[in-house]
C-alpha atoms as a PDB file:
ATOM      1  CA  UNK A   1     128.443  92.473 103.296  1.00  0.00           C
ATOM      2  CA  UNK A   2     126.539  93.284 100.108  1.00  0.00           C
ATOM      3  CA  UNK A   3     122.826  93.857 100.465  1.00  0.00           C
ATOM      4  CA  UNK A   4     120.410  91.537  98.677  1.00  0.00           C
ATOM      5  CA  UNK A   5     117.547  94.026  98.823  1.00  0.00           C
ATOM      6  CA  UNK A   6     116.219  94.514  95.311  1.00  0.00           C
ATOM      7  CA  UNK A   7     115.925  98.077  94.101  1.00  0.00           C
ATOM      8  CA  UNK A   8     117.011 101.328  95.731  1.00  0.00           C
ATOM      9  CA  UNK A   9     116.844 102.098  99.461  1.00  0.00           C
ATOM     10  CA  UNK A  10     116.790 105.484 101.179  1.00  0.00           C
ATOM     11  CA  UNK A  11     116.910 106.105 104.929  1.00  0.00           C
ATOM     12  CA  UNK A  12     114.960 109.238 105.806  1.00  0.00           C
ATOM     13  CA  UNK A  13     113.784 111.265 108.770  1.00  0.00           C
ATOM     14  CA  UNK A  14     110.146 111.213 107.679  1.00  0.00           C
ATOM     15  CA  UNK A  15     108.745 108.309 105.678  1.00  0.00           C
ATOM     16  CA  UNK A  16     105.399 110.087 104.974  1.00  0.00           C
ATOM     17  CA  UNK A  17     107.142 113.245 103.745  1.00  0.00           C
ATOM     18  CA  UNK A  18     109.429 111.324 101.411  1.00  0.00           C
ATOM     19  CA  UNK A  19     106.615 109.102 100.159  1.00  0.00           C
ATOM     20  CA  UNK A  20     104.477 112.125  99.328  1.00  0.00           C
ATOM     21  CA  UNK A  21     107.326 113.923  97.553  1.00  0.00           C
ATOM     22  CA  UNK A  22     108.236 110.896  95.439  1.00  0.00           C
ATOM     23  CA  UNK A  23     104.617 110.002  94.662  1.00  0.00           C
ATOM     24  CA  UNK A  24     104.037 113.517  93.372  1.00  0.00           C
ATOM     25  CA  UNK A  25     107.254 113.459  91.344  1.00  0.00           C
ATOM     26  CA  UNK A  26     106.183 110.207  89.678  1.00  0.00           C
ATOM     27  CA  UNK A  27     102.503 110.977  89.179  1.00  0.00           C
ATOM     28  CA  UNK A  28     102.587 114.659  88.235  1.00  0.00           C
ATOM     29  CA  UNK A  29     103.936 114.406  84.663  1.00  0.00           C
ATOM     30  CA  UNK A  30     102.009 111.335  83.521  1.00  0.00           C
ATOM     31  CA  UNK A  31      98.715 112.431  85.092  1.00  0.00           C
ATOM     32  CA  UNK A  32      98.753 115.555  82.914  1.00  0.00           C
ATOM     33  CA  UNK A  33      98.370 113.534  79.721  1.00  0.00           C
ATOM     34  CA  UNK A  34      96.532 110.249  80.383  1.00  0.00           C
ATOM     35  CA  UNK A  35      94.719 108.010  82.837  1.00  0.00           C
ATOM     36  CA  UNK A  36      97.088 106.675  85.502  1.00  0.00           C
ATOM     37  CA  UNK A  37      96.649 103.526  87.605  1.00  0.00           C
ATOM     38  CA  UNK A  38      97.703 103.929  91.240  1.00  0.00           C
ATOM     39  CA  UNK A  39      97.693 100.872  93.532  1.00  0.00           C
ATOM     40  CA  UNK A  40      97.453 101.648  97.258  1.00  0.00           C
ATOM     41  CA  UNK A  41      97.706  99.699 100.502  1.00  0.00           C
ATOM     42  CA  UNK A  42      96.564  99.853 104.117  1.00  0.00           C
ATOM     43  CA  UNK A  43      98.019 100.023 107.600  1.00  0.00           C
ATOM     44  CA  UNK A  44      99.160 102.770 109.988  1.00  0.00           C
ATOM     45  CA  UNK A  45     102.162 103.838 107.908  1.00  0.00           C
ATOM     46  CA  UNK A  46     100.035 104.011 104.767  1.00  0.00           C
ATOM     47  CA  UNK A  47      97.504 106.249 106.517  1.00  0.00           C
ATOM     48  CA  UNK A  48     100.270 108.665 107.527  1.00  0.00           C
ATOM     49  CA  UNK A  49     101.642 108.640 103.977  1.00  0.00           C
ATOM     50  CA  UNK A  50      98.249 109.380 102.415  1.00  0.00           C
ATOM     51  CA  UNK A  51      97.447 112.064 104.979  1.00  0.00           C
ATOM     52  CA  UNK A  52     100.724 113.779 104.087  1.00  0.00           C
ATOM     53  CA  UNK A  53     100.180 113.437 100.345  1.00  0.00           C
ATOM     54  CA  UNK A  54      96.687 114.899 100.713  1.00  0.00           C
ATOM     55  CA  UNK A  55      98.031 117.773 102.798  1.00  0.00           C
ATOM     56  CA  UNK A  56     100.619 118.638 100.152  1.00  0.00           C
ATOM     57  CA  UNK A  57      98.048 118.420  97.377  1.00  0.00           C
ATOM     58  CA  UNK A  58      95.568 120.629  99.240  1.00  0.00           C
ATOM     59  CA  UNK A  59      98.326 123.207  99.718  1.00  0.00           C
ATOM     60  CA  UNK A  60      99.580 123.046  96.115  1.00  0.00           C
ATOM     61  CA  UNK A  61      97.900 120.811  93.560  1.00  0.00           C
ATOM     62  CA  UNK A  62     100.425 119.023  91.338  1.00  0.00           C
ATOM     63  CA  UNK A  63      98.650 115.771  90.405  1.00  0.00           C
ATOM     64  CA  UNK A  64      95.705 115.747  88.014  1.00  0.00           C
ATOM     65  CA  UNK A  65      93.488 113.523  90.168  1.00  0.00           C
ATOM     66  CA  UNK A  66      90.798 113.483  87.485  1.00  0.00           C
ATOM     67  CA  UNK A  67      93.162 111.173  85.568  1.00  0.00           C
ATOM     68  CA  UNK A  68      94.012 108.892  88.534  1.00  0.00           C
ATOM     69  CA  UNK A  69      92.367 105.455  88.676  1.00  0.00           C
ATOM     70  CA  UNK A  70      92.969 104.118  92.190  1.00  0.00           C
ATOM     71  CA  UNK A  71      93.000 100.380  92.870  1.00  0.00           C
ATOM     72  CA  UNK A  72      93.826  98.453  96.035  1.00  0.00           C
ATOM     73  CA  UNK A  73      96.896  96.227  96.326  1.00  0.00           C
ATOM     74  CA  UNK A  74      95.359  94.049  99.020  1.00  0.00           C
ATOM     75  CA  UNK A  75      92.241  93.951 101.150  1.00  0.00           C
ATOM     76  CA  UNK A  76      90.686  92.183 104.112  1.00  0.00           C
ATOM     77  CA  UNK A  77      87.478  90.251 103.545  1.00  0.00           C
ATOM     78  CA  UNK A  78      85.386  92.732 105.526  1.00  0.00           C
ATOM     79  CA  UNK A  79      82.631  95.183 104.668  1.00  0.00           C
ATOM     80  CA  UNK A  80      83.745  98.446 103.047  1.00  0.00           C
ATOM     81  CA  UNK A  81      82.535 100.325 106.151  1.00  0.00           C
ATOM     82  CA  UNK A  82      84.553  98.136 108.552  1.00  0.00           C
ATOM     83  CA  UNK A  83      87.349  99.824 110.515  1.00  0.00           C
ATOM     84  CA  UNK A  84      89.772  97.185 109.148  1.00  0.00           C
ATOM     85  CA  UNK A  85      88.961  97.911 105.499  1.00  0.00           C
ATOM     86  CA  UNK A  86      91.938  99.186 103.516  1.00  0.00           C
ATOM     87  CA  UNK A  87      89.580 100.812 101.020  1.00  0.00           C
ATOM     88  CA  UNK A  88      87.947 102.769 103.847  1.00  0.00           C
ATOM     89  CA  UNK A  89      91.401 103.935 105.006  1.00  0.00           C
ATOM     90  CA  UNK A  90      92.332 105.115 101.498  1.00  0.00           C
ATOM     91  CA  UNK A  91      89.035 106.908 101.030  1.00  0.00           C
ATOM     92  CA  UNK A  92      89.215 108.721 104.376  1.00  0.00           C
ATOM     93  CA  UNK A  93      92.903 109.641 104.334  1.00  0.00           C
ATOM     94  CA  UNK A  94      93.291 110.546 100.653  1.00  0.00           C
ATOM     95  CA  UNK A  95      90.419 110.317  98.196  1.00  0.00           C
ATOM     96  CA  UNK A  96      87.892 112.322 100.181  1.00  0.00           C
ATOM     97  CA  UNK A  97      90.473 115.109 100.403  1.00  0.00           C
ATOM     98  CA  UNK A  98      91.911 115.268  96.877  1.00  0.00           C
ATOM     99  CA  UNK A  99      89.077 113.891  94.748  1.00  0.00           C
ATOM    100  CA  UNK A 100      87.203 113.463  92.631  1.00  0.00           C
ATOM    101  CA  UNK A 101      89.427 110.846  91.006  1.00  0.00           C
ATOM    102  CA  UNK A 102      88.885 109.198  87.636  1.00  0.00           C
ATOM    103  CA  UNK A 103      87.773 105.949  89.315  1.00  0.00           C
ATOM    104  CA  UNK A 104      88.244 103.877  92.458  1.00  0.00           C
ATOM    105  CA  UNK A 105      88.189 100.091  92.139  1.00  0.00           C
ATOM    106  CA  UNK A 106      88.507  98.254  95.471  1.00  0.00           C
ATOM    107  CA  UNK A 107      89.577  94.635  95.715  1.00  0.00           C
ATOM    108  CA  UNK A 108      86.720  92.350  96.686  1.00  0.00           C
ATOM    109  CA  UNK A 109      86.938  88.839  98.016  1.00  0.00           C
ATOM    110  CA  UNK A 110      83.680  87.933  96.267  1.00  0.00           C
ATOM    111  CA  UNK A 111      85.252  88.129  92.812  1.00  0.00           C
ATOM    112  CA  UNK A 112      88.756  87.141  93.963  1.00  0.00           C
ATOM    113  CA  UNK A 113      90.002  90.548  92.842  1.00  0.00           C
ATOM    114  CA  UNK A 114      88.944  90.022  89.227  1.00  0.00           C
ATOM    115  CA  UNK A 115      87.707  93.620  88.870  1.00  0.00           C
ATOM    116  CA  UNK A 116      91.156  94.972  89.767  1.00  0.00           C
ATOM    117  CA  UNK A 117      92.874  92.466  87.478  1.00  0.00           C
ATOM    118  CA  UNK A 118      90.652  93.692  84.646  1.00  0.00           C
ATOM    119  CA  UNK A 119      91.659  97.316  85.358  1.00  0.00           C
ATOM    120  CA  UNK A 120      95.349  96.381  85.148  1.00  0.00           C
ATOM    121  CA  UNK A 121      94.952  94.412  81.930  1.00  0.00           C
ATOM    122  CA  UNK A 122      92.822  97.153  80.370  1.00  0.00           C
ATOM    123  CA  UNK A 123      95.305  99.888  81.276  1.00  0.00           C
ATOM    124  CA  UNK A 124      98.188  97.838  79.866  1.00  0.00           C
ATOM    125  CA  UNK A 125      96.404  97.503  76.519  1.00  0.00           C
ATOM    126  CA  UNK A 126      95.291 101.128  76.403  1.00  0.00           C
ATOM    127  CA  UNK A 127      98.527 102.800  77.482  1.00  0.00           C
ATOM    128  CA  UNK A 128     101.137 100.276  76.311  1.00  0.00           C
ATOM    129  CA  UNK A 129     102.391 100.029  79.897  1.00  0.00           C
ATOM    130  CA  UNK A 130     102.691  97.242  82.425  1.00  0.00           C
ATOM    131  CA  UNK A 131      99.258  98.222  83.752  1.00  0.00           C
ATOM    132  CA  UNK A 132     100.077  99.895  87.086  1.00  0.00           C
ATOM    133  CA  UNK A 133     101.951 103.188  86.980  1.00  0.00           C
ATOM    134  CA  UNK A 134     102.718 103.373  90.709  1.00  0.00           C
ATOM    135  CA  UNK A 135     102.188 100.889  93.537  1.00  0.00           C
ATOM    136  CA  UNK A 136     102.584 101.545  97.233  1.00  0.00           C
ATOM    137  CA  UNK A 137     103.461  98.664  99.564  1.00  0.00           C
ATOM    138  CA  UNK A 138     104.416  98.232 103.200  1.00  0.00           C
ATOM    139  CA  UNK A 139     106.402  95.654 105.144  1.00  0.00           C
ATOM    140  CA  UNK A 140     105.143  93.603 108.071  1.00  0.00           C
ATOM    141  CA  UNK A 141     107.304  92.471 110.986  1.00  0.00           C
ATOM    142  CA  UNK A 142     107.065  88.935 109.567  1.00  0.00           C
ATOM    143  CA  UNK A 143     108.355  90.106 106.187  1.00  0.00           C
ATOM    144  CA  UNK A 144     105.029  90.127 104.348  1.00  0.00           C
ATOM    145  CA  UNK A 145     104.080  92.747 101.799  1.00  0.00           C
ATOM    146  CA  UNK A 146     100.579  93.300 100.400  1.00  0.00           C
ATOM    147  CA  UNK A 147      98.873  90.161 101.836  1.00  0.00           C
ATOM    148  CA  UNK A 148     101.639  87.787 100.782  1.00  0.00           C
ATOM    149  CA  UNK A 149     102.297  86.058 104.104  1.00  0.00           C
ATOM    150  CA  UNK A 150     105.079  83.589 104.967  1.00  0.00           C
ATOM    151  CA  UNK A 151     104.160  80.027 103.981  1.00  0.00           C
ATOM    152  CA  UNK A 152     100.841  81.119 102.451  1.00  0.00           C
ATOM    153  CA  UNK A 153      99.380  79.731  99.229  1.00  0.00           C
ATOM    154  CA  UNK A 154      99.499  83.078  97.403  1.00  0.00           C
ATOM    155  CA  UNK A 155     103.304  82.916  97.299  1.00  0.00           C
ATOM    156  CA  UNK A 156     103.051  80.132  94.737  1.00  0.00           C
ATOM    157  CA  UNK A 157     100.516  81.706  92.373  1.00  0.00           C
ATOM    158  CA  UNK A 158     101.555  81.709  88.733  1.00  0.00           C
ATOM    159  CA  UNK A 159     102.652  85.121  87.478  1.00  0.00           C
ATOM    160  CA  UNK A 160      99.799  85.077  84.974  1.00  0.00           C
ATOM    161  CA  UNK A 161      97.356  85.196  87.914  1.00  0.00           C
ATOM    162  CA  UNK A 162      97.245  88.833  89.065  1.00  0.00           C
ATOM    163  CA  UNK A 163      95.009  88.523  92.155  1.00  0.00           C
ATOM    164  CA  UNK A 164      94.110  85.751  94.557  1.00  0.00           C
ATOM    165  CA  UNK A 165      92.520  84.960  97.904  1.00  0.00           C
ATOM    166  CA  UNK A 166      94.926  84.355 100.786  1.00  0.00           C
ATOM    167  CA  UNK A 167      95.226  84.096 104.563  1.00  0.00           C
ATOM    168  CA  UNK A 168      98.009  84.073 107.133  1.00  0.00           C
ATOM    169  CA  UNK A 169      98.807  80.481 108.185  1.00  0.00           C
ATOM    170  CA  UNK A 170     100.282  81.746 111.462  1.00  0.00           C
ATOM    171  CA  UNK A 171      97.073  83.527 112.430  1.00  0.00           C
ATOM    172  CA  UNK A 172      98.988  86.677 113.360  1.00  0.00           C
ATOM    173  CA  UNK A 173      97.235  88.728 110.685  1.00  0.00           C
ATOM    174  CA  UNK A 174      93.455  88.395 111.070  1.00  0.00           C
ATOM    175  CA  UNK A 175      90.801  88.132 108.337  1.00  0.00           C
ATOM    176  CA  UNK A 176      90.918  86.295 105.069  1.00  0.00           C
ATOM    177  CA  UNK A 177      92.408  88.478 102.330  1.00  0.00           C
ATOM    178  CA  UNK A 178      92.421  89.198  98.626  1.00  0.00           C
ATOM    179  CA  UNK A 179      95.720  90.437  97.258  1.00  0.00           C
ATOM    180  CA  UNK A 180      97.768  91.211  94.214  1.00  0.00           C
ATOM    181  CA  UNK A 181     100.158  88.325  93.608  1.00  0.00           C
ATOM    182  CA  UNK A 182     103.824  88.631  92.771  1.00  0.00           C
ATOM    183  CA  UNK A 183     102.704  88.628  89.154  1.00  0.00           C
ATOM    184  CA  UNK A 184     100.196  91.391  89.811  1.00  0.00           C
ATOM    185  CA  UNK A 185     102.721  93.510  91.665  1.00  0.00           C
ATOM    186  CA  UNK A 186     105.246  93.011  88.867  1.00  0.00           C
ATOM    187  CA  UNK A 187     102.844  94.987  86.654  1.00  0.00           C
ATOM    188  CA  UNK A 188     103.901  98.205  88.440  1.00  0.00           C
ATOM    189  CA  UNK A 189     106.218 100.552  86.563  1.00  0.00           C
ATOM    190  CA  UNK A 190     107.313 102.080  89.908  1.00  0.00           C
ATOM    191  CA  UNK A 191     106.872 100.740  93.446  1.00  0.00           C
ATOM    192  CA  UNK A 192     107.361 102.617  96.716  1.00  0.00           C
ATOM    193  CA  UNK A 193     107.754 100.425  99.810  1.00  0.00           C
ATOM    194  CA  UNK A 194     107.447 102.352 103.068  1.00  0.00           C
ATOM    195  CA  UNK A 195     108.993 100.838 106.190  1.00  0.00           C
ATOM    196  CA  UNK A 196     108.649 102.552 109.553  1.00  0.00           C
ATOM    197  CA  UNK A 197     109.469 101.586 113.125  1.00  0.00           C
ATOM    198  CA  UNK A 198     111.799  99.322 115.088  1.00  0.00           C
ATOM    199  CA  UNK A 199     109.372  96.396 114.773  1.00  0.00           C
ATOM    200  CA  UNK A 200     110.350  96.131 111.080  1.00  0.00           C
ATOM    201  CA  UNK A 201     114.125  96.215 111.641  1.00  0.00           C
ATOM    202  CA  UNK A 202     114.626  92.449 111.934  1.00  0.00           C
ATOM    203  CA  UNK A 203     112.596  91.670 108.810  1.00  0.00           C
ATOM    204  CA  UNK A 204     114.403  94.299 106.772  1.00  0.00           C
ATOM    205  CA  UNK A 205     117.807  93.050 107.942  1.00  0.00           C
ATOM    206  CA  UNK A 206     116.855  89.466 107.072  1.00  0.00           C
ATOM    207  CA  UNK A 207     115.803  90.509 103.573  1.00  0.00           C
ATOM    208  CA  UNK A 208     119.107  92.348 103.135  1.00  0.00           C
ATOM    209  CA  UNK A 209     121.006  89.229 104.199  1.00  0.00           C
ATOM    210  CA  UNK A 210     119.220  86.997 101.695  1.00  0.00           C
ATOM    211  CA  UNK A 211     116.599  85.288 103.846  1.00  0.00           C
ATOM    212  CA  UNK A 212     113.647  84.671 101.491  1.00  0.00           C
ATOM    213  CA  UNK A 213     110.870  86.421 103.366  1.00  0.00           C
ATOM    214  CA  UNK A 214     107.902  87.244 101.089  1.00  0.00           C
ATOM    215  CA  UNK A 215     108.932  90.859 100.461  1.00  0.00           C
ATOM    216  CA  UNK A 216     112.400  89.679  99.403  1.00  0.00           C
ATOM    217  CA  UNK A 217     110.852  87.918  96.414  1.00  0.00           C
ATOM    218  CA  UNK A 218     109.089  90.942  94.946  1.00  0.00           C
ATOM    219  CA  UNK A 219     110.113  91.271  91.326  1.00  0.00           C
ATOM    220  CA  UNK A 220     108.366  94.533  90.709  1.00  0.00           C
ATOM    221  CA  UNK A 221     109.987  97.168  88.511  1.00  0.00           C
ATOM    222  CA  UNK A 222     111.481 100.374  89.876  1.00  0.00           C
ATOM    223  CA  UNK A 223     111.482  99.323  93.540  1.00  0.00           C
ATOM    224  CA  UNK A 224     112.274 102.102  96.017  1.00  0.00           C
ATOM    225  CA  UNK A 225     112.407 101.333  99.747  1.00  0.00           C
ATOM    226  CA  UNK A 226     111.665 104.370 101.943  1.00  0.00           C
ATOM    227  CA  UNK A 227     112.920 103.498 105.420  1.00  0.00           C
ATOM    228  CA  UNK A 228     113.143 105.435 108.671  1.00  0.00           C
ATOM    229  CA  UNK A 229     116.085 105.337 111.094  1.00  0.00           C
ATOM    230  CA  UNK A 230     114.430 102.852 113.460  1.00  0.00           C
ATOM    231  CA  UNK A 231     113.610 100.341 110.725  1.00  0.00           C
ATOM    232  CA  UNK A 232     117.121 100.714 109.244  1.00  0.00           C
ATOM    233  CA  UNK A 233     118.896 100.264 112.578  1.00  0.00           C
ATOM    234  CA  UNK A 234     120.189  96.756 111.731  1.00  0.00           C
ATOM    235  CA  UNK A 235     121.233  97.501 108.147  1.00  0.00           C
ATOM    236  CA  UNK A 236     124.761  98.345 107.007  1.00  0.00           C
ATOM    237  CA  UNK A 237     124.854 102.057 106.267  1.00  0.00           C
ATOM    238  CA  UNK A 238     126.589 101.439 102.956  1.00  0.00           C
ATOM    239  CA  UNK A 239     123.452 100.083 101.281  1.00  0.00           C
ATOM    240  CA  UNK A 240     121.498 103.352 101.413  1.00  0.00           C
ATOM    241  CA  UNK A 241     121.464 106.042  98.757  1.00  0.00           C
ATOM    242  CA  UNK A 242     120.302 109.619  99.119  1.00  0.00           C
ATOM    243  CA  UNK A 243     116.926 110.839  97.958  1.00  0.00           C
ATOM    244  CA  UNK A 244     118.650 113.235  95.562  1.00  0.00           C
ATOM    245  CA  UNK A 245     120.496 110.330  93.905  1.00  0.00           C
ATOM    246  CA  UNK A 246     117.428 108.139  93.366  1.00  0.00           C
ATOM    247  CA  UNK A 247     116.751 106.997  89.841  1.00  0.00           C
ATOM    248  CA  UNK A 248     113.051 107.748  89.301  1.00  0.00           C
END
């Protein structure tokens, strides 16, 4: 059976290691010459990925962080100091270790993410790019990515709207959210989606079989799925490529 997963998929032993290696490969050359927009996410897998990236960068600096403008791909409507804040996670696991960066623009529910949308639009005009050079996303057991939940209103936002408020109709994911829309995420030149653990195996298999879970409808450019053995356990082995064969 052919896979309907968009983009390239690699099955790896260590998702954080592979994320860090690919992020450096993508960011190193462009960060040497201009300001780069990097969109980050939250969650346990993201923390491991950013810890590993920071560790590599502390050991051997490859990215010019002074040219990196970090934005958030989604956020909970909580205070920046709250344990559930994605911005707090990014700051603790990455920015405090590799900084200073050019700028850090969190998503805020108060302005519906308008500040981040302005960063994307400004970068697109300045650099003649889509606006985001690299985005990092995860996958929830329900098939959501960023804060685009099944049956939620954000799924139907026009592509011209880059950010929006959203919530999970099922109640399984707490807090109101602000998130990049499909249109916002499509502004990424490259997108790394990290998927770790057996709890994600069903969602990933459903996406591969054509079930329209939210992450299946991402139309971002340069999608690369970085998947561990547990998350890939229900996928046909034929759909995976090797890291060495990835088109970056």
